[in-house]
Amino acid sequence: LDLHTNLSQCRGRRGEDRHSKCAPPPSLPSCCRVRHFQRLEQGKQTETPPPRATKTIHMVGTAPLPSQNPLTLFSDGLWMALGLEPRNDNTTSASSGLIDLKDVYGYEEWKIDCLFVGLVLSFYAVGHLLLKTEKQRAYIITFLNCCVAMVVGCHAMHTLCWYDVSVNSFSLSETPITRLEVRFFRVVQILDVAVGLCFYPTQLHLLTTWIHHTAYTLLCSWMLQRGVSILFALCLLEELPTLILAIGSMHKPLRSDSLFGLSYFVLRVSLHTVLAYNAVTYNGGDDRIHVVRFNFALTWCLHVNWFYAWVRQQLRLRRERSIIVSKDKSWDKD
């Protein structure tokens, strides 16, 4: 009777496991107690574990993305190594307005610029001791800038835009990471000229240094005022040819003209053409697009002209090498 009453109470409990909630009475025979615990073990084996919760980041204009991916962790770790550890989890959230980096990292923006100045000068000081010629030293700051630019560019392409290179309201906004990169890029342009005047003045040319650095300093200042940095972060992928050139200039055995030309054509000609076309055909009614279109048109003409000059240089070098080889063969015959 006691066993029947106990089992009846167990069957009346909905949503609970009758085997785990109801222990066998002391008066139950030993054989029945063994069966009770066998049913209890079977219930534990068939019980399905609860689903694991996954953390996602929802961003404006994109689908929910997983927060833990290698590029996000690498880019976040880069800024954390500089002491810019975010106070909240909004480092990849886009904003249509201006972002105050003090609310995210706890430092005022001019202090972040001072941190970047110290980082760049320290990196150059180490490189200055390792490299001997002016041409090698002229690419120290460029090498650092390209490395950071490639990390942020891959982060923007993979994490923020999901390989979508269209110009829209999302790409015309900013995130804390892309805003940090714009500030870093502007610091690099200024320091490259200032340090160059002291240590490699012969490598400062009119177009590639004075006009280029002045124009990008003004452009970065405009992007910081208008909150346009995601599209700029996408364009940072075009710094790969410059990175290859910097490595080859600092260490000649690593120079590769073919790799430079291939990456230049894919990124600074092909990708830039697609981005420029998307900017020209954008009709979202944003007044900032006029400056973006002007910059894309100007840089596209510059990139095509430089690539054309590089192709002519390679053809000339090939003709010279063929002439030298033919002369060597004629001398051997004589």
Protein backbone atom coordinates (compact mmCIF):
# COMPACT_ATOMS: atom_id res chain seq x y z
CA LEU A 1 0.00 0.00 0.00
CA ASP A 2 2.81 2.42 0.84
CA LEU A 3 4.53 1.67 -2.47
CA HIS A 4 1.30 2.19 -4.44
CA THR A 5 0.64 5.53 -2.73
CA ASN A 6 4.18 6.73 -3.32
CA LEU A 7 4.12 5.88 -7.03
CA SER A 8 0.76 7.57 -7.46
CA GLN A 9 2.14 10.80 -6.03
CA CYS A 10 5.08 10.61 -8.41
CA ARG A 11 2.86 10.18 -11.48
CA GLY A 12 0.82 13.22 -10.44
CA ARG A 13 3.75 15.60 -10.61
CA ARG A 14 3.92 17.16 -14.08
CA GLY A 15 7.20 18.37 -15.58
CA GLU A 16 9.33 16.52 -12.99
CA ASP A 17 11.28 13.32 -13.15
CA ARG A 18 9.46 10.83 -10.94
CA HIS A 19 12.56 8.71 -10.55
CA SER A 20 14.84 11.52 -9.40
CA LYS A 21 12.28 13.31 -7.20
CA CYS A 22 10.82 10.28 -5.38
CA ALA A 23 13.13 8.01 -3.43
CA PRO A 24 11.98 4.39 -2.73
CA PRO A 25 10.39 3.86 0.69
CA PRO A 26 12.45 1.98 3.29
CA SER A 27 9.95 -0.88 3.35
CA LEU A 28 10.48 -1.61 -0.39
CA PRO A 29 12.08 -5.05 -1.01
CA SER A 30 15.69 -5.08 -2.17
CA CYS A 31 14.83 -6.42 -5.65
CA CYS A 32 12.35 -3.57 -6.20
CA ARG A 33 14.87 -1.03 -4.95
CA VAL A 34 17.36 -2.28 -7.57
CA ARG A 35 14.77 -1.85 -10.34
CA HIS A 36 14.01 1.65 -9.06
CA PHE A 37 17.61 2.78 -9.37
CA GLN A 38 17.91 1.12 -12.79
CA ARG A 39 14.95 3.19 -14.04
CA LEU A 40 16.59 6.26 -12.49
CA GLU A 41 19.84 5.68 -14.45
CA GLN A 42 17.91 5.13 -17.70
CA GLY A 43 16.14 8.45 -17.19
CA LYS A 44 19.45 10.28 -16.76
CA GLN A 45 20.85 8.78 -19.96
CA THR A 46 17.85 9.76 -22.07
CA GLU A 47 17.69 13.27 -20.64
CA THR A 48 18.81 15.83 -23.24
CA PRO A 49 21.17 18.59 -22.04
CA PRO A 50 19.96 22.18 -22.34
CA PRO A 51 21.20 24.08 -25.41
CA ARG A 52 24.34 26.14 -24.97
CA ALA A 53 23.83 29.86 -25.13
CA THR A 54 25.78 31.69 -27.83
CA LYS A 55 26.71 35.32 -27.63
CA THR A 56 26.11 37.43 -30.72
CA ILE A 57 26.67 41.06 -31.67
CA HIS A 58 23.88 42.84 -33.55
CA MET A 59 25.06 45.65 -35.78
CA VAL A 60 23.22 48.20 -37.81
CA GLY A 61 22.79 47.14 -41.42
CA THR A 62 24.19 43.62 -41.05
CA ALA A 63 23.05 40.22 -39.87
CA PRO A 64 23.91 39.01 -36.35
CA LEU A 65 27.51 37.88 -36.27
CA PRO A 66 29.42 35.72 -33.79
CA SER A 67 31.59 37.85 -31.55
CA GLN A 68 34.37 35.25 -31.29
CA ASN A 69 36.25 35.03 -34.59
CA PRO A 70 40.00 35.27 -35.19
CA LEU A 71 40.04 38.69 -36.89
CA THR A 72 37.88 40.31 -34.21
CA LEU A 73 40.01 38.83 -31.43
CA PHE A 74 43.22 39.90 -33.18
CA SER A 75 42.08 43.48 -33.80
CA ASP A 76 40.65 43.83 -30.30
CA GLY A 77 43.86 42.40 -28.86
CA LEU A 78 45.89 44.93 -30.87
CA TRP A 79 44.12 47.89 -29.28
CA MET A 80 44.15 46.24 -25.84
CA ALA A 81 47.94 45.88 -26.16
CA LEU A 82 48.07 49.65 -26.58
CA GLY A 83 46.11 50.10 -23.36
CA LEU A 84 42.83 50.78 -25.15
CA GLU A 85 40.73 48.05 -23.56
CA PRO A 86 37.03 48.76 -24.18
CA ARG A 87 34.80 49.43 -21.20
CA ASN A 88 31.81 47.83 -22.93
CA ASP A 89 31.08 45.39 -25.74
CA ASN A 90 30.27 48.00 -28.40
CA THR A 91 33.60 48.08 -30.23
CA THR A 92 32.02 46.62 -33.39
CA SER A 93 28.67 48.40 -33.23
CA ALA A 94 28.18 50.92 -36.00
CA SER A 95 26.80 54.36 -35.27
CA SER A 96 25.25 56.82 -37.68
CA GLY A 97 26.54 59.70 -35.55
CA LEU A 98 29.90 60.61 -34.09
CA ILE A 99 31.42 58.22 -31.57
CA ASP A 100 33.15 59.56 -28.48
CA LEU A 101 36.07 57.23 -27.85
CA LYS A 102 36.19 58.34 -24.23
CA ASP A 103 32.86 56.58 -23.64
CA VAL A 104 34.31 53.36 -25.05
CA TYR A 105 37.94 53.30 -23.92
CA GLY A 106 37.98 55.81 -21.07
CA TYR A 107 40.57 58.13 -22.66
CA GLU A 108 40.09 61.43 -24.38
CA GLU A 109 40.90 61.39 -28.08
CA TRP A 110 43.87 63.73 -27.85
CA LYS A 111 45.42 61.40 -25.27
CA ILE A 112 44.94 58.50 -27.66
CA ASP A 113 46.76 60.52 -30.32
CA CYS A 114 49.64 61.07 -27.89
CA LEU A 115 49.73 57.33 -27.27
CA PHE A 116 49.97 56.72 -31.02
CA VAL A 117 52.78 59.28 -31.32
CA GLY A 118 54.78 57.46 -28.65
CA LEU A 119 54.15 54.11 -30.30
CA VAL A 120 55.26 55.26 -33.77
CA LEU A 121 58.37 57.07 -32.50
CA SER A 122 59.39 54.06 -30.39
CA PHE A 123 58.96 51.74 -33.35
CA TYR A 124 61.02 54.04 -35.56
CA ALA A 125 63.78 54.32 -32.96
CA VAL A 126 64.21 50.54 -32.93
CA GLY A 127 64.15 50.36 -36.73
CA HIS A 128 66.62 53.24 -37.00
CA LEU A 129 69.16 51.23 -35.02
CA LEU A 130 68.69 48.13 -37.17
CA LEU A 131 68.67 49.75 -40.62
CA LYS A 132 71.53 51.79 -42.08
CA THR A 133 70.53 53.62 -45.27
CA GLU A 134 68.05 56.46 -45.69
CA LYS A 135 65.94 54.46 -48.12
CA GLN A 136 65.55 51.65 -45.62
CA ARG A 137 64.69 54.01 -42.77
CA ALA A 138 62.14 55.83 -44.92
CA TYR A 139 59.94 52.70 -44.88
CA ILE A 140 59.97 52.01 -41.12
CA ILE A 141 56.89 54.09 -40.31
CA THR A 142 55.25 52.99 -43.56
CA PHE A 143 55.75 49.34 -42.59
CA LEU A 144 54.08 49.87 -39.20
CA ASN A 145 51.21 51.78 -40.77
CA CYS A 146 50.60 49.06 -43.38
CA CYS A 147 50.61 46.28 -40.78
CA VAL A 148 47.97 48.02 -38.67
CA ALA A 149 46.00 48.98 -41.78
CA MET A 150 45.87 45.38 -43.02
CA VAL A 151 44.58 44.12 -39.67
CA VAL A 152 41.83 46.74 -39.52
CA GLY A 153 41.04 46.29 -43.22
CA CYS A 154 40.58 42.53 -42.83
CA HIS A 155 38.49 43.15 -39.72
CA ALA A 156 36.25 45.54 -41.62
CA MET A 157 35.89 43.27 -44.65
CA HIS A 158 35.27 40.03 -42.72
CA THR A 159 33.54 41.11 -39.52
CA LEU A 160 31.75 44.36 -40.29
CA CYS A 161 30.76 44.11 -43.96
CA TRP A 162 30.84 40.35 -44.63
CA TYR A 163 32.68 40.91 -47.94
CA ASP A 164 30.07 43.40 -49.14
CA VAL A 165 31.87 46.31 -50.84
CA SER A 166 28.74 48.28 -51.68
CA VAL A 167 28.49 51.90 -50.56
CA ASN A 168 25.47 52.36 -48.28
CA SER A 169 24.42 54.00 -45.04
CA PHE A 170 26.33 51.39 -43.03
CA SER A 171 29.65 51.86 -44.82
CA LEU A 172 29.22 55.63 -44.41
CA SER A 173 29.13 55.24 -40.62
CA GLU A 174 31.81 54.34 -38.08
CA THR A 175 32.71 52.01 -35.22
CA PRO A 176 35.16 52.68 -32.38
CA ILE A 177 37.82 50.49 -34.00
CA THR A 178 37.58 52.19 -37.41
CA ARG A 179 37.60 55.62 -35.76
CA LEU A 180 40.74 54.65 -33.88
CA GLU A 181 42.37 53.62 -37.15
CA VAL A 182 41.56 56.96 -38.79
CA ARG A 183 43.23 58.77 -35.90
CA PHE A 184 46.25 56.45 -36.11
CA PHE A 185 46.49 56.94 -39.88
CA ARG A 186 46.46 60.73 -39.47
CA VAL A 187 49.20 60.58 -36.84
CA VAL A 188 51.32 58.45 -39.17
CA GLN A 189 50.99 60.93 -42.05
CA ILE A 190 52.18 63.80 -39.88
CA LEU A 191 55.02 61.89 -38.22
CA ASP A 192 56.29 60.46 -41.49
CA VAL A 193 56.94 64.00 -42.75
CA ALA A 194 58.33 65.27 -39.43
CA VAL A 195 60.70 62.33 -38.92
CA GLY A 196 61.62 62.34 -42.61
CA LEU A 197 62.80 65.93 -42.46
CA CYS A 198 65.27 64.89 -39.75
CA PHE A 199 66.47 61.47 -40.86
CA TYR A 200 65.64 60.82 -44.54
CA PRO A 201 65.03 64.15 -46.30
CA THR A 202 66.19 62.84 -49.69
CA GLN A 203 63.31 60.33 -49.71
CA LEU A 204 60.57 62.98 -49.33
CA HIS A 205 59.15 63.56 -52.82
CA LEU A 206 56.58 66.08 -53.96
CA LEU A 207 53.74 63.76 -55.00
CA THR A 208 54.24 60.67 -52.83
CA THR A 209 55.01 62.59 -49.64
CA TRP A 210 54.03 66.25 -49.52
CA ILE A 211 50.85 66.16 -51.60
CA HIS A 212 49.82 62.63 -50.59
CA HIS A 213 50.35 63.07 -46.83
CA THR A 214 48.76 66.52 -46.75
CA ALA A 215 45.68 65.32 -48.63
CA TYR A 216 45.19 62.28 -46.39
CA THR A 217 45.69 64.34 -43.24
CA LEU A 218 42.87 66.63 -44.35
CA LEU A 219 40.74 63.65 -45.41
CA CYS A 220 41.17 61.93 -42.04
CA SER A 221 40.21 65.13 -40.25
CA TRP A 222 37.06 65.37 -42.37
CA MET A 223 36.16 61.72 -41.70
CA LEU A 224 36.54 62.25 -37.96
CA GLN A 225 34.25 65.29 -38.10
CA ARG A 226 31.58 63.59 -40.23
CA GLY A 227 31.77 60.05 -38.81
CA VAL A 228 32.78 58.22 -42.00
CA SER A 229 35.37 55.53 -41.34
CA ILE A 230 34.02 52.05 -42.20
CA LEU A 231 34.40 52.68 -45.93
CA PHE A 232 37.91 53.99 -45.27
CA ALA A 233 38.69 50.80 -43.32
CA LEU A 234 37.66 48.74 -46.35
CA CYS A 235 40.07 50.71 -48.52
CA LEU A 236 42.91 49.92 -46.10
CA LEU A 237 43.20 46.52 -47.79
CA GLU A 238 44.83 48.44 -50.63
CA GLU A 239 47.87 48.97 -48.38
CA LEU A 240 49.06 45.42 -49.12
CA PRO A 241 51.16 46.51 -52.15
CA THR A 242 52.76 49.21 -50.02
CA LEU A 243 53.53 46.62 -47.35
CA ILE A 244 55.22 44.39 -49.95
CA LEU A 245 57.19 47.40 -51.23
CA ALA A 246 58.25 48.38 -47.70
CA ILE A 247 59.48 44.87 -46.89
CA GLY A 248 61.44 44.68 -50.14
CA SER A 249 62.96 48.12 -49.58
CA MET A 250 64.08 47.34 -46.02
CA HIS A 251 65.38 43.85 -46.89
CA LYS A 252 66.30 43.49 -50.56
CA PRO A 253 66.29 39.64 -50.73
CA LEU A 254 62.55 39.75 -49.95
CA ARG A 255 61.76 42.10 -52.83
CA SER A 256 59.22 40.73 -55.32
CA ASP A 257 58.19 42.93 -58.23
CA SER A 258 55.71 40.39 -59.57
CA LEU A 259 53.94 40.03 -56.21
CA PHE A 260 53.81 43.79 -55.87
CA GLY A 261 52.35 44.24 -59.34
CA LEU A 262 49.76 41.48 -58.87
CA SER A 263 48.55 42.81 -55.54
CA TYR A 264 48.53 46.36 -56.91
CA PHE A 265 46.34 45.37 -59.84
CA VAL A 266 43.91 43.31 -57.73
CA LEU A 267 43.50 45.83 -54.91
CA ARG A 268 44.42 49.34 -56.04
CA VAL A 269 43.05 48.99 -59.55
CA SER A 270 40.30 46.33 -59.56
CA LEU A 271 38.91 46.68 -56.03
CA HIS A 272 39.26 50.44 -56.12
CA THR A 273 37.37 50.54 -59.42
CA VAL A 274 34.47 48.60 -57.87
CA LEU A 275 34.38 50.86 -54.82
CA ALA A 276 34.56 53.98 -56.97
CA TYR A 277 31.70 52.73 -59.16
CA ASN A 278 29.57 51.97 -56.10
CA ALA A 279 30.27 55.42 -54.71
CA VAL A 280 29.32 57.13 -57.97
CA THR A 281 26.07 55.16 -58.33
CA TYR A 282 25.05 55.60 -54.68
CA ASN A 283 21.78 57.55 -54.42
CA GLY A 284 21.05 57.47 -50.69
CA GLY A 285 20.68 61.23 -50.37
CA ASP A 286 23.70 61.63 -48.06
CA ASP A 287 25.55 64.91 -48.61
CA ARG A 288 28.82 63.31 -47.47
CA ILE A 289 28.91 61.17 -50.61
CA HIS A 290 30.17 64.12 -52.70
CA VAL A 291 33.50 64.22 -50.85
CA VAL A 292 33.71 60.41 -51.02
CA ARG A 293 33.13 60.45 -54.80
CA PHE A 294 35.74 63.15 -55.33
CA ASN A 295 38.31 61.20 -53.31
CA PHE A 296 37.61 57.94 -55.16
CA ALA A 297 37.83 59.63 -58.55
CA LEU A 298 41.11 61.33 -57.69
CA THR A 299 42.75 58.26 -56.16
CA TRP A 300 41.53 56.02 -59.00
CA CYS A 301 43.27 58.23 -61.56
CA LEU A 302 46.40 58.25 -59.42
CA HIS A 303 46.43 54.46 -58.98
CA VAL A 304 45.91 53.78 -62.68
CA ASN A 305 48.68 56.22 -63.59
CA TRP A 306 51.10 54.63 -61.12
CA PHE A 307 50.27 51.13 -62.34
CA TYR A 308 50.80 52.21 -65.96
CA ALA A 309 54.18 53.69 -65.00
CA TRP A 310 55.13 50.45 -63.19
CA VAL A 311 54.23 48.34 -66.24
CA ARG A 312 56.35 50.55 -68.48
CA GLN A 313 59.24 50.30 -66.02
CA GLN A 314 59.05 46.49 -65.96
CA LEU A 315 58.98 46.32 -69.75
CA ARG A 316 62.01 48.59 -69.96
CA LEU A 317 63.90 46.50 -67.42
CA ARG A 318 63.06 43.33 -69.32
CA ARG A 319 64.37 44.81 -72.58
CA GLU A 320 67.59 45.88 -70.85
CA ARG A 321 68.08 42.41 -69.39
CA SER A 322 67.49 40.80 -72.77
CA ILE A 323 70.09 43.11 -74.38
CA ILE A 324 72.64 42.24 -71.69
CA VAL A 325 71.98 38.52 -72.14
CA SER A 326 72.37 38.78 -75.93
CA LYS A 327 75.69 40.65 -75.53
CA ASP A 328 76.96 37.99 -73.14
CA LYS A 329 76.11 35.27 -75.64
CA SER A 330 77.89 37.12 -78.45
CA TRP A 331 81.02 37.49 -76.30
CA ASP A 332 80.94 33.78 -75.52
CA LYS A 333 80.84 32.94 -79.23
CA ASP A 334 83.81 35.17 -79.93
